[in-house]
Amino acid sequence: MMRVRPTRKDPAEQWETKMMELKRLTEHVWYMPFETERDRPNLGYVKGDNWCLAVDAGHSAAHTKEFYALLAQEDLPLPGLTVLTHWHWDHTFVMHAVNGLCLAKQMMLLSKPYNG
């Protein structure tokens, strides 16, 4: 569980408790849903026979640690590879701290930010 600030609509509200969850899509695929309140993207996980990989690195060290804790609760091994879907900060900011290696297309890392 984690503490989440109230929305701007009602700043007088006390902190609420929000339970993060890992959702299973298939026998081999899970994801941690996005959070609009803290601008956190979905993080994905694919478990293969020999390797496990994460999809996107995350918004912050806390975000990635929560994701890894949810994996541990499900007895899933940490990913040895993290694949980056695109260059936005909320998907790449913690790539220096992920377990294993990060994979991205060179063109993505060299691209100029989108300003539209």
C-alpha atoms as a PDB file:
ATOM      1  CA  MET A   1       0.000   0.000   0.000  1.00  0.00           C
ATOM      2  CA  MET A   2       1.081   3.556  -0.514  1.00  0.00           C
ATOM      3  CA  ARG A   3      -0.014   7.015   0.469  1.00  0.00           C
ATOM      4  CA  VAL A   4      -1.324   9.195  -2.359  1.00  0.00           C
ATOM      5  CA  ARG A   5      -1.896  12.936  -2.220  1.00  0.00           C
ATOM      6  CA  PRO A   6      -5.468  14.094  -2.715  1.00  0.00           C
ATOM      7  CA  THR A   7      -6.420  15.410  -6.133  1.00  0.00           C
ATOM      8  CA  ARG A   8      -6.406  19.160  -6.727  1.00  0.00           C
ATOM      9  CA  LYS A   9     -10.198  19.107  -6.883  1.00  0.00           C
ATOM     10  CA  ASP A  10     -10.417  18.675  -3.109  1.00  0.00           C
ATOM     11  CA  PRO A  11      -7.155  19.710  -1.383  1.00  0.00           C
ATOM     12  CA  ALA A  12      -8.803  19.483   2.040  1.00  0.00           C
ATOM     13  CA  GLU A  13      -9.023  15.687   1.710  1.00  0.00           C
ATOM     14  CA  GLN A  14      -6.679  13.624   3.844  1.00  0.00           C
ATOM     15  CA  TRP A  15      -4.127  11.369   2.190  1.00  0.00           C
ATOM     16  CA  GLU A  16      -5.786   8.241   0.915  1.00  0.00           C
ATOM     17  CA  THR A  17      -4.300   4.776   0.795  1.00  0.00           C
ATOM     18  CA  LYS A  18      -3.947   3.238  -2.644  1.00  0.00           C
ATOM     19  CA  MET A  19      -3.069  -0.393  -3.208  1.00  0.00           C
ATOM     20  CA  MET A  20      -0.867  -0.994  -6.232  1.00  0.00           C
ATOM     21  CA  GLU A  21      -1.543  -4.198  -8.105  1.00  0.00           C
ATOM     22  CA  LEU A  22      -0.022  -6.410 -10.727  1.00  0.00           C
ATOM     23  CA  LYS A  23      -2.587  -7.524 -13.304  1.00  0.00           C
ATOM     24  CA  ARG A  24      -2.207 -10.741 -15.252  1.00  0.00           C
ATOM     25  CA  LEU A  25      -3.096 -10.633 -18.954  1.00  0.00           C
ATOM     26  CA  THR A  26      -2.011 -14.118 -20.043  1.00  0.00           C
ATOM     27  CA  GLU A  27      -0.037 -17.057 -18.727  1.00  0.00           C
ATOM     28  CA  HIS A  28       3.208 -15.143 -19.413  1.00  0.00           C
ATOM     29  CA  VAL A  29       2.264 -11.432 -19.350  1.00  0.00           C
ATOM     30  CA  TRP A  30       1.547  -9.070 -16.410  1.00  0.00           C
ATOM     31  CA  TYR A  31       1.389  -5.302 -16.039  1.00  0.00           C
ATOM     32  CA  MET A  32       1.227  -2.662 -13.349  1.00  0.00           C
ATOM     33  CA  PRO A  33      -1.464  -0.124 -14.394  1.00  0.00           C
ATOM     34  CA  PHE A  34      -0.755   3.547 -14.978  1.00  0.00           C
ATOM     35  CA  GLU A  35      -1.484   6.163 -12.335  1.00  0.00           C
ATOM     36  CA  THR A  36      -2.761   9.493 -13.582  1.00  0.00           C
ATOM     37  CA  GLU A  37      -2.377  11.136 -10.161  1.00  0.00           C
ATOM     38  CA  ARG A  38       1.401  10.743 -10.226  1.00  0.00           C
ATOM     39  CA  ASP A  39       1.912  10.560 -13.993  1.00  0.00           C
ATOM     40  CA  ARG A  40       3.200   6.977 -13.818  1.00  0.00           C
ATOM     41  CA  PRO A  41       2.975   4.832 -16.974  1.00  0.00           C
ATOM     42  CA  ASN A  42       2.058   1.171 -17.257  1.00  0.00           C
ATOM     43  CA  LEU A  43       4.987  -1.142 -16.593  1.00  0.00           C
ATOM     44  CA  GLY A  44       4.885  -4.510 -18.285  1.00  0.00           C
ATOM     45  CA  TYR A  45       6.427  -7.897 -17.584  1.00  0.00           C
ATOM     46  CA  VAL A  46       6.887 -10.933 -19.825  1.00  0.00           C
ATOM     47  CA  LYS A  47       8.020 -14.270 -18.376  1.00  0.00           C
ATOM     48  CA  GLY A  48       9.608 -16.653 -20.829  1.00  0.00           C
ATOM     49  CA  ASP A  49      11.069 -20.093 -20.269  1.00  0.00           C
ATOM     50  CA  ASN A  50      14.635 -18.758 -20.073  1.00  0.00           C
ATOM     51  CA  TRP A  51      14.352 -14.984 -19.696  1.00  0.00           C
ATOM     52  CA  CYS A  52      12.048 -12.404 -18.149  1.00  0.00           C
ATOM     53  CA  LEU A  53      11.774  -8.869 -19.400  1.00  0.00           C
ATOM     54  CA  ALA A  54      10.196  -5.622 -18.285  1.00  0.00           C
ATOM     55  CA  VAL A  55       8.528  -3.158 -20.615  1.00  0.00           C
ATOM     56  CA  ASP A  56       9.695   0.366 -19.718  1.00  0.00           C
ATOM     57  CA  ALA A  57      11.901   1.423 -16.825  1.00  0.00           C
ATOM     58  CA  GLY A  58       9.530   3.663 -14.907  1.00  0.00           C
ATOM     59  CA  HIS A  59       8.831   7.105 -13.531  1.00  0.00           C
ATOM     60  CA  SER A  60      11.050   7.023 -10.421  1.00  0.00           C
ATOM     61  CA  ALA A  61      13.123   4.677  -8.297  1.00  0.00           C
ATOM     62  CA  ALA A  62      10.108   4.236  -6.002  1.00  0.00           C
ATOM     63  CA  HIS A  63       7.915   3.303  -8.985  1.00  0.00           C
ATOM     64  CA  THR A  64      10.355   0.618 -10.136  1.00  0.00           C
ATOM     65  CA  LYS A  65      10.849  -0.709  -6.591  1.00  0.00           C
ATOM     66  CA  GLU A  66       7.080  -1.042  -6.166  1.00  0.00           C
ATOM     67  CA  PHE A  67       6.917  -2.911  -9.479  1.00  0.00           C
ATOM     68  CA  TYR A  68       9.690  -5.290  -8.391  1.00  0.00           C
ATOM     69  CA  ALA A  69       7.971  -5.823  -5.015  1.00  0.00           C
ATOM     70  CA  LEU A  70       4.752  -6.798  -6.818  1.00  0.00           C
ATOM     71  CA  LEU A  71       6.719  -9.250  -8.964  1.00  0.00           C
ATOM     72  CA  ALA A  72       8.208 -10.788  -5.805  1.00  0.00           C
ATOM     73  CA  GLN A  73       4.715 -11.175  -4.284  1.00  0.00           C
ATOM     74  CA  GLU A  74       3.785 -13.289  -7.314  1.00  0.00           C
ATOM     75  CA  ASP A  75       7.043 -15.303  -7.061  1.00  0.00           C
ATOM     76  CA  LEU A  76       8.187 -13.905 -10.404  1.00  0.00           C
ATOM     77  CA  PRO A  77      11.921 -13.396 -10.999  1.00  0.00           C
ATOM     78  CA  LEU A  78      13.279  -9.913 -11.611  1.00  0.00           C
ATOM     79  CA  PRO A  79      13.623  -9.095 -15.292  1.00  0.00           C
ATOM     80  CA  GLY A  80      17.082  -9.490 -16.795  1.00  0.00           C
ATOM     81  CA  LEU A  81      16.171  -7.100 -19.608  1.00  0.00           C
ATOM     82  CA  THR A  82      14.116  -3.912 -19.745  1.00  0.00           C
ATOM     83  CA  VAL A  83      12.824  -2.834 -23.163  1.00  0.00           C
ATOM     84  CA  LEU A  84      12.110   0.879 -23.626  1.00  0.00           C
ATOM     85  CA  THR A  85       9.082   1.630 -25.785  1.00  0.00           C
ATOM     86  CA  HIS A  86       9.904   5.307 -26.381  1.00  0.00           C
ATOM     87  CA  TRP A  87      12.028   8.158 -25.007  1.00  0.00           C
ATOM     88  CA  HIS A  88       9.527   9.977 -22.729  1.00  0.00           C
ATOM     89  CA  TRP A  89      10.970  10.662 -19.273  1.00  0.00           C
ATOM     90  CA  ASP A  90       8.284   8.710 -17.401  1.00  0.00           C
ATOM     91  CA  HIS A  91       9.250   5.555 -19.326  1.00  0.00           C
ATOM     92  CA  THR A  92      13.048   5.975 -19.181  1.00  0.00           C
ATOM     93  CA  PHE A  93      14.010   8.044 -16.125  1.00  0.00           C
ATOM     94  CA  VAL A  94      15.097   5.078 -13.980  1.00  0.00           C
ATOM     95  CA  MET A  95      16.822   3.013 -16.646  1.00  0.00           C
ATOM     96  CA  HIS A  96      20.113   3.486 -14.767  1.00  0.00           C
ATOM     97  CA  ALA A  97      18.688   1.563 -11.791  1.00  0.00           C
ATOM     98  CA  VAL A  98      16.805  -1.346 -13.360  1.00  0.00           C
ATOM     99  CA  ASN A  99      17.821  -4.944 -12.791  1.00  0.00           C
ATOM    100  CA  GLY A 100      19.782  -6.251 -15.775  1.00  0.00           C
ATOM    101  CA  LEU A 101      20.168  -4.508 -19.112  1.00  0.00           C
ATOM    102  CA  CYS A 102      18.100  -1.898 -20.979  1.00  0.00           C
ATOM    103  CA  LEU A 103      17.327  -2.217 -24.665  1.00  0.00           C
ATOM    104  CA  ALA A 104      16.324   0.656 -26.934  1.00  0.00           C
ATOM    105  CA  LYS A 105      16.657   1.416 -30.597  1.00  0.00           C
ATOM    106  CA  GLN A 106      19.532   3.859 -31.141  1.00  0.00           C
ATOM    107  CA  MET A 107      17.312   6.107 -33.252  1.00  0.00           C
ATOM    108  CA  MET A 108      14.932   6.508 -30.300  1.00  0.00           C
ATOM    109  CA  LEU A 109      17.699   7.641 -27.952  1.00  0.00           C
ATOM    110  CA  LEU A 110      19.082  10.135 -30.463  1.00  0.00           C
ATOM    111  CA  SER A 111      15.733  11.594 -31.498  1.00  0.00           C
ATOM    112  CA  LYS A 112      14.777  15.160 -30.700  1.00  0.00           C
ATOM    113  CA  PRO A 113      11.913  15.707 -28.238  1.00  0.00           C
ATOM    114  CA  TYR A 114       8.475  16.074 -29.730  1.00  0.00           C
ATOM    115  CA  ASN A 115       7.186  19.606 -29.174  1.00  0.00           C
ATOM    116  CA  GLY A 116       3.708  19.285 -30.636  1.00  0.00           C
END
